[in-house]
Protein backbone atom coordinates (compact mmCIF):
# COMPACT_ATOMS: atom_id res chain seq x y z
CA UNK A 1 21.32 -85.71 40.97
CA UNK A 2 21.09 -85.91 37.17
CA UNK A 3 20.16 -89.18 35.46
CA UNK A 4 21.77 -90.11 32.12
CA UNK A 5 21.58 -93.11 29.84
CA UNK A 6 24.49 -92.45 27.50
CA UNK A 7 26.91 -89.90 26.11
CA UNK A 8 27.40 -89.29 22.39
CA UNK A 9 30.35 -87.52 20.73
CA UNK A 10 29.54 -86.15 17.27
CA UNK A 11 29.90 -83.04 15.11
CA UNK A 12 32.15 -81.12 17.47
CA UNK A 13 29.73 -81.59 20.38
CA UNK A 14 29.05 -83.83 23.34
CA UNK A 15 25.42 -84.87 23.85
CA UNK A 16 24.15 -86.27 27.15
CA UNK A 17 20.88 -88.17 26.84
CA UNK A 18 18.34 -87.79 29.64
CA UNK A 19 15.39 -90.19 29.96
CA UNK A 20 13.00 -87.57 31.34
CA UNK A 21 14.06 -84.42 29.48
CA UNK A 22 15.60 -83.08 26.30
CA UNK A 23 19.23 -84.10 25.68
CA UNK A 24 22.01 -81.69 26.51
CA UNK A 25 24.25 -80.81 23.59
CA UNK A 26 27.46 -78.98 24.49
CA UNK A 27 30.03 -77.65 22.02
CA UNK A 28 33.55 -79.03 22.47
CA UNK A 29 35.20 -75.64 22.81
CA UNK A 30 32.58 -74.46 25.33
CA UNK A 31 33.23 -77.56 27.38
CA UNK A 32 37.02 -77.26 27.26
CA UNK A 33 36.93 -73.52 27.95
CA UNK A 34 34.98 -74.30 31.13
CA UNK A 35 37.34 -76.93 32.45
CA UNK A 36 37.77 -76.20 36.16
CA UNK A 37 40.94 -78.24 36.78
CA UNK A 38 43.99 -76.58 38.45
CA UNK A 39 45.92 -76.73 35.18
CA UNK A 40 43.29 -74.59 33.44
CA UNK A 41 42.23 -72.33 36.32
CA UNK A 42 43.92 -70.87 39.36
CA UNK A 43 42.62 -72.83 42.36
CA UNK A 44 42.37 -69.68 44.48
CA UNK A 45 40.73 -67.06 42.25
CA UNK A 46 39.34 -69.21 39.44
CA UNK A 47 40.96 -67.19 36.66
CA UNK A 48 42.15 -68.96 33.54
CA UNK A 49 45.79 -70.00 33.32
CA UNK A 50 45.84 -70.51 29.54
CA UNK A 51 45.18 -68.47 26.42
CA UNK A 52 42.21 -69.42 24.26
CA UNK A 53 44.51 -69.16 21.23
CA UNK A 54 46.62 -71.92 22.80
CA UNK A 55 43.92 -74.55 22.36
CA UNK A 56 44.29 -76.81 19.32
CA UNK A 57 42.29 -75.65 16.32
CA UNK A 58 41.29 -79.26 15.67
CA UNK A 59 40.30 -79.88 19.30
CA UNK A 60 38.21 -83.01 19.61
CA UNK A 61 36.83 -85.30 22.31
CA UNK A 62 38.57 -88.69 22.40
CA UNK A 63 36.41 -90.14 25.16
CA UNK A 64 33.45 -88.96 27.28
CA UNK A 65 31.75 -90.96 30.03
CA UNK A 66 29.49 -90.26 33.02
CA UNK A 67 30.71 -91.80 36.28
CA UNK A 68 28.37 -92.53 39.20
CA UNK A 69 25.67 -90.31 37.67
CA UNK A 70 27.52 -87.32 39.12
CA UNK A 71 30.51 -86.42 36.92
CA UNK A 72 31.21 -86.15 33.21
CA UNK A 73 34.79 -87.20 32.42
CA UNK A 74 36.32 -86.07 29.12
CA UNK A 75 39.62 -87.04 27.52
CA UNK A 76 40.66 -84.57 24.84
CA UNK A 77 42.59 -85.10 21.61
CA UNK A 78 45.60 -83.23 23.04
CA UNK A 79 45.70 -85.55 26.05
CA UNK A 80 44.16 -83.14 28.54
CA UNK A 81 41.56 -84.59 30.92
CA UNK A 82 38.59 -82.72 32.36
CA UNK A 83 35.89 -83.55 34.90
CA UNK A 84 32.56 -81.70 35.15
CA UNK A 85 30.12 -82.05 38.01
CA UNK A 86 26.69 -82.74 36.49
CA UNK A 87 25.08 -80.37 38.98
CA UNK A 88 27.37 -77.60 37.69
CA UNK A 89 26.46 -78.45 34.10
CA UNK A 90 22.77 -78.36 35.06
CA UNK A 91 23.19 -74.82 36.37
CA UNK A 92 24.65 -73.87 32.98
CA UNK A 93 22.19 -75.79 30.81
CA UNK A 94 22.19 -74.19 27.34
CA UNK A 95 18.83 -75.50 26.13
CA UNK A 96 16.42 -72.76 24.93
CA UNK A 97 13.88 -73.37 27.70
CA UNK A 98 16.48 -73.19 30.48
CA UNK A 99 18.15 -70.15 28.99
CA UNK A 100 14.76 -68.41 28.94
CA UNK A 101 14.20 -69.23 32.61
CA UNK A 102 17.61 -67.79 33.50
CA UNK A 103 16.78 -64.59 31.66
CA UNK A 104 13.25 -64.16 32.99
CA UNK A 105 13.98 -62.37 36.26
CA UNK A 106 12.48 -59.18 34.83
CA UNK A 107 8.89 -58.55 35.95
CA UNK A 108 7.04 -56.02 33.85
CA UNK A 109 4.82 -53.58 35.75
CA UNK A 110 2.25 -50.84 35.28
CA UNK A 111 0.66 -48.32 37.61
CA UNK A 112 -0.94 -51.15 39.66
CA UNK A 113 2.48 -51.71 41.24
CA UNK A 114 1.49 -48.86 43.58
CA UNK A 115 -0.36 -51.47 45.69
CA UNK A 116 2.85 -53.44 46.23
CA UNK A 117 5.72 -50.97 46.17
CA UNK A 118 9.31 -52.26 46.55
CA UNK A 119 9.99 -50.32 49.77
CA UNK A 120 12.47 -51.04 52.54
CA UNK A 121 13.48 -49.28 55.75
CA UNK A 122 17.05 -48.09 55.23
CA UNK A 123 18.33 -48.56 58.84
CA UNK A 124 16.81 -52.06 58.96
CA UNK A 125 18.21 -52.98 55.56
CA UNK A 126 21.73 -52.02 56.65
CA UNK A 127 21.46 -54.26 59.70
CA UNK A 128 19.84 -57.32 58.10
CA UNK A 129 21.43 -59.07 55.07
CA UNK A 130 18.26 -61.12 54.54
CA UNK A 131 16.17 -57.95 54.24
CA UNK A 132 18.82 -56.37 52.00
CA UNK A 133 18.84 -59.35 49.65
CA UNK A 134 15.03 -59.40 49.48
CA UNK A 135 14.98 -55.71 48.52
CA UNK A 136 17.77 -56.15 45.96
CA UNK A 137 15.91 -59.08 44.38
CA UNK A 138 12.75 -56.97 43.97
CA UNK A 139 14.84 -54.10 42.61
CA UNK A 140 16.35 -56.46 40.03
CA UNK A 141 12.91 -57.70 39.00
CA UNK A 142 11.20 -54.31 38.78
CA UNK A 143 14.04 -51.94 37.91
CA UNK A 144 13.41 -49.63 40.86
CA UNK A 145 13.01 -49.56 44.64
CA UNK A 146 12.38 -47.05 47.41
CA UNK A 147 14.35 -46.71 50.66
CA UNK A 148 12.56 -45.05 53.56
CA UNK A 149 13.97 -43.28 56.62
CA UNK A 150 17.28 -42.29 55.07
CA UNK A 151 18.67 -39.54 57.30
CA UNK A 152 17.50 -36.12 56.09
CA UNK A 153 21.02 -34.75 55.80
CA UNK A 154 22.79 -33.33 52.75
CA UNK A 155 25.21 -35.83 51.29
CA UNK A 156 23.37 -38.93 52.52
CA UNK A 157 22.49 -39.96 48.96
CA UNK A 158 26.19 -40.51 48.25
CA UNK A 159 26.51 -42.65 51.38
CA UNK A 160 23.59 -44.79 50.20
CA UNK A 161 25.18 -44.98 46.75
CA UNK A 162 28.48 -46.15 48.17
CA UNK A 163 26.71 -48.84 50.20
CA UNK A 164 24.79 -50.16 47.17
CA UNK A 165 27.70 -49.70 44.76
CA UNK A 166 30.25 -46.99 43.97
CA UNK A 167 29.26 -43.39 43.31
CA UNK A 168 30.18 -42.31 39.80
CA UNK A 169 31.55 -38.77 39.53
CA UNK A 170 30.30 -36.80 36.50
CA UNK A 171 30.40 -33.20 35.33
CA UNK A 172 27.54 -32.67 37.82
CA UNK A 173 29.88 -33.73 40.63
CA UNK A 174 29.78 -36.62 43.08
CA UNK A 175 26.20 -35.65 43.86
CA UNK A 176 23.84 -32.99 42.56
CA UNK A 177 20.97 -30.91 43.88
CA UNK A 178 17.58 -30.96 42.16
CA UNK A 179 15.82 -27.69 42.97
CA UNK A 180 14.61 -24.55 41.22
CA UNK A 181 17.50 -22.16 40.51
CA UNK A 182 17.96 -19.00 38.38
CA UNK A 183 19.42 -19.49 34.87
CA UNK A 184 19.35 -23.31 35.01
CA UNK A 185 21.74 -25.35 32.85
CA UNK A 186 19.21 -28.18 32.90
CA UNK A 187 15.41 -28.21 32.99
CA UNK A 188 15.65 -30.45 36.06
CA UNK A 189 16.71 -27.31 37.95
CA UNK A 190 13.40 -25.55 37.27
CA UNK A 191 9.89 -25.95 38.70
CA UNK A 192 8.54 -27.28 35.40
CA UNK A 193 7.01 -30.70 35.06
CA UNK A 194 9.30 -33.22 33.37
CA UNK A 195 8.23 -36.02 31.06
CA UNK A 196 9.67 -39.44 31.76
CA UNK A 197 13.22 -39.98 30.60
CA UNK A 198 16.45 -41.81 31.27
CA UNK A 199 19.36 -39.71 32.52
CA UNK A 200 22.54 -38.94 30.63
CA UNK A 201 22.02 -40.89 27.39
CA UNK A 202 24.73 -38.58 26.03
CA UNK A 203 27.33 -40.53 28.05
CA UNK A 204 29.11 -43.67 26.92
CA UNK A 205 28.23 -45.63 28.94
CA UNK A 206 25.19 -44.04 30.53
CA UNK A 207 24.95 -44.35 34.33
CA UNK A 208 23.42 -47.67 35.28
CA UNK A 209 21.56 -46.50 38.40
CA UNK A 210 20.24 -43.16 39.60
CA UNK A 211 19.40 -42.32 43.21
CA UNK A 212 17.22 -39.37 44.28
CA UNK A 213 16.96 -38.55 47.99
CA UNK A 214 14.25 -36.20 49.20
CA UNK A 215 15.37 -33.58 51.74
CA UNK A 216 12.41 -31.17 51.49
CA UNK A 217 8.99 -31.47 49.84
CA UNK A 218 6.77 -28.66 51.13
CA UNK A 219 5.94 -27.26 47.67
CA UNK A 220 2.61 -28.29 46.14
CA UNK A 221 3.20 -30.68 43.25
CA UNK A 222 6.53 -32.21 42.35
CA UNK A 223 5.28 -35.79 42.61
CA UNK A 224 7.57 -38.50 41.25
CA UNK A 225 6.51 -40.14 37.99
CA UNK A 226 7.92 -43.53 36.93
CA UNK A 227 7.26 -45.69 33.86
CA UNK A 228 8.60 -49.18 33.17
CA UNK A 229 10.40 -48.65 29.87
CA UNK A 230 10.46 -52.41 29.27
CA UNK A 231 6.64 -52.59 29.55
CA UNK A 232 6.33 -49.70 27.11
CA UNK A 233 8.77 -51.35 24.68
CA UNK A 234 6.82 -54.60 24.79
CA UNK A 235 3.60 -52.70 24.07
CA UNK A 236 5.25 -51.15 21.02
CA UNK A 237 6.49 -54.56 19.87
CA UNK A 238 2.97 -56.02 20.17
CA UNK A 239 1.27 -53.11 18.39
CA UNK A 240 3.85 -52.31 15.72
CA UNK A 241 6.69 -54.85 15.32
CA UNK A 242 8.28 -52.89 12.45
CA UNK A 243 8.49 -49.74 14.58
CA UNK A 244 9.95 -51.74 17.46
CA UNK A 245 12.61 -53.29 15.21
CA UNK A 246 13.58 -49.92 13.77
CA UNK A 247 14.12 -48.41 17.22
CA UNK A 248 16.38 -51.34 18.11
CA UNK A 249 18.54 -50.90 14.99
CA UNK A 250 18.94 -47.20 14.29
CA UNK A 251 20.60 -45.09 17.02
CA UNK A 252 19.76 -41.52 17.95
CA UNK A 253 22.48 -38.99 18.77
CA UNK A 254 22.18 -37.52 22.27
CA UNK A 255 24.08 -34.43 23.40
CA UNK A 256 24.61 -32.24 26.44
CA UNK A 257 26.70 -29.08 26.25
CA UNK A 258 27.46 -26.16 28.54
CA UNK A 259 30.41 -23.82 28.97
CA UNK A 260 32.68 -26.63 30.24
CA UNK A 261 31.15 -29.80 28.80
CA UNK A 262 30.25 -31.28 25.43
CA UNK A 263 29.05 -34.87 25.73
CA UNK A 264 27.82 -36.85 22.72
CA UNK A 265 26.75 -40.49 22.40
CA UNK A 266 24.73 -42.54 19.93
CA UNK A 267 22.29 -45.03 21.44
CA UNK A 268 19.31 -47.00 20.23
CA UNK A 269 16.12 -46.11 22.06
CA UNK A 270 15.49 -49.81 22.66
CA UNK A 271 18.23 -52.43 23.01
CA UNK A 272 17.66 -56.18 22.82
CA UNK A 273 19.82 -59.24 23.40
CA UNK A 274 20.45 -62.13 21.00
CA UNK A 275 17.14 -63.72 21.99
CA UNK A 276 15.17 -60.54 21.34
CA UNK A 277 14.52 -59.74 25.02
CA UNK A 278 14.52 -56.02 25.86
CA UNK A 279 17.64 -55.16 27.86
CA UNK A 280 17.75 -51.34 27.83
CA UNK A 281 15.65 -48.29 27.02
CA UNK A 282 17.24 -44.87 26.48
CA UNK A 283 14.70 -42.11 26.04
CA UNK A 284 15.31 -38.43 26.67
CA UNK A 285 13.45 -35.93 24.51
CA UNK A 286 15.36 -32.97 25.99
CA UNK A 287 18.78 -34.40 25.13
CA UNK A 288 17.95 -35.88 21.71
CA UNK A 289 20.19 -34.18 19.18
CA UNK A 290 19.99 -35.47 15.60
CA UNK A 291 19.44 -38.70 13.71
CA UNK A 292 22.27 -39.75 11.40
CA UNK A 293 20.22 -41.62 8.81
CA UNK A 294 19.08 -41.23 5.18
CA UNK A 295 15.68 -39.62 4.60
CA UNK A 296 13.76 -42.80 3.81
CA UNK A 297 14.91 -44.39 7.07
CA UNK A 298 14.51 -41.20 9.07
CA UNK A 299 10.87 -40.79 8.04
CA UNK A 300 9.93 -44.23 9.33
CA UNK A 301 12.16 -43.92 12.40
CA UNK A 302 10.42 -40.72 13.48
CA UNK A 303 7.03 -42.38 13.10
CA UNK A 304 8.26 -45.14 15.41
CA UNK A 305 9.80 -42.61 17.81
CA UNK A 306 6.56 -40.62 18.07
CA UNK A 307 4.54 -43.79 18.61
CA UNK A 308 6.86 -44.91 21.40
CA UNK A 309 6.69 -41.45 22.99
CA UNK A 310 2.88 -41.64 23.03
CA UNK A 311 2.97 -45.08 24.63
CA UNK A 312 5.21 -43.72 27.39
CA UNK A 313 2.48 -41.18 28.21
CA UNK A 314 -0.31 -43.71 28.61
CA UNK A 315 -1.90 -43.31 32.06
CA UNK A 316 -2.02 -47.06 32.68
CA UNK A 317 1.80 -47.11 32.64
CA UNK A 318 2.35 -44.13 34.95
CA UNK A 319 3.25 -44.74 38.58
CA UNK A 320 2.86 -41.45 40.45
CA UNK A 321 3.77 -41.08 44.12
CA UNK A 322 5.16 -38.49 46.48
CA UNK A 323 8.62 -38.66 47.95
CA UNK A 324 8.55 -37.54 51.56
CA UNK A 325 11.67 -36.21 53.30
CA UNK A 326 13.88 -39.20 54.05
CA UNK A 327 12.71 -41.22 51.04
CA UNK A 328 15.26 -42.27 48.41
CA UNK A 329 14.17 -43.74 45.09
CA UNK A 330 16.70 -46.00 43.34
CA UNK A 331 16.15 -46.51 39.59
CA UNK A 332 17.70 -48.68 36.90
CA UNK A 333 18.52 -45.83 34.56
CA UNK A 334 18.24 -47.85 31.34
CA UNK A 335 14.85 -49.28 32.27
CA UNK A 336 12.79 -47.21 34.70
CA UNK A 337 12.12 -43.81 33.14
CA UNK A 338 11.44 -41.02 35.60
CA UNK A 339 9.88 -37.59 35.59
CA UNK A 340 7.85 -35.33 37.87
CA UNK A 341 4.78 -33.18 38.00
CA UNK A 342 5.20 -29.39 38.07
CA UNK A 343 5.49 -27.68 41.45
CA UNK A 344 5.11 -24.17 42.87
CA UNK A 345 8.35 -22.97 44.50
CA UNK A 346 6.57 -19.85 45.80
CA UNK A 347 4.47 -21.96 48.17
CA UNK A 348 7.17 -24.21 49.60
CA UNK A 349 10.54 -25.82 49.02
CA UNK A 350 11.35 -28.96 47.06
CA UNK A 351 14.91 -30.18 47.39
CA UNK A 352 16.26 -33.52 46.22
CA UNK A 353 19.86 -34.68 46.03
CA UNK A 354 20.95 -37.29 43.51
CA UNK A 355 23.90 -39.38 42.46
CA UNK A 356 24.75 -42.12 39.98
CA UNK A 357 26.26 -45.56 40.46
CA UNK A 358 26.99 -48.37 38.01
CA UNK A 359 24.50 -51.21 37.90
CA UNK A 360 27.07 -54.01 37.98
CA UNK A 361 27.99 -53.15 41.58
CA UNK A 362 24.39 -53.71 42.74
CA UNK A 363 24.25 -56.97 40.79
CA UNK A 364 27.50 -58.03 42.47
CA UNK A 365 26.16 -57.20 45.93
CA UNK A 366 23.04 -59.27 45.25
CA UNK A 367 25.06 -62.29 44.12
CA UNK A 368 27.36 -62.06 47.13
CA UNK A 369 24.38 -62.01 49.49
CA UNK A 370 22.87 -65.03 47.71
CA UNK A 371 26.04 -67.01 48.39
CA UNK A 372 27.90 -69.38 46.08
CA UNK A 373 25.97 -71.54 43.62
């Protein structure tokens, strides 16, 4: 239960004073737009029943009082009346400290994460919502997770994808095979080692999540290599703030083309939100096309690009592990960069199947399992 001394209406805002914490200041329009009454929102699905343009442009609060230390009652200048549970307002506190707490679910990691891998047994996860939620929470924190004992059958990766979200069909199909083939259209289909990268930055939007399911791994080499792109971005910010800022502002053009496809997108290598927190990393040296920028900007951008590329190769950031048959690694594609060591296809087979899903579906599943606020 929240404790308030008084409510002040001033400057287009409502301020609720708290004796043991900073006051809450809430903008009038934010407050009115979040009215939960049955006139403003459908009682069944919660969707708004009014247009934002229908609110008065001179909207003001006529009266605001807290009743029983549990509800804020507001009478508006147009006669509408709203009631807000203080517990609900507390969950949506807009103060800087609380907003930072809400946004701090990301946990940066380095190679030491190998001692505490986010693994889960796939059959057990399917049967136990508590285990599933625990794994999804760790995935959300770290940007990747590993599922063990997924049936070693072709096509299973798409079944896993449809359980976690919805498989996204691309020019590679509903799923794709990662193995050495003659005349490959992509270096992933060779035995060469691959530096860490995010997949498909030439798409708009890029896939949110990539899954790779191991079917065979007899060939020497071919170990999985992961790097936390957010950790690398924060290292760049600490060591060279100007380089970091340039990579957040100036986008690179990415492109993939074959006989039937020509995909082009412009993306910044590092994306941040309004508070400066890193929210996405798109890095793919193989698919980088050209930089649309004047020479003086391009020269500095490439210095920043090269510096970031070197950071991504630092051994202390590299998590290297082997996928055994039945293992499926799930990666946030705009955070956890992935690659592999080279392998020898003459001494054994290495066969992975992959698919893409959108990240919002996994976020939705996690929230559903948490239950209502």
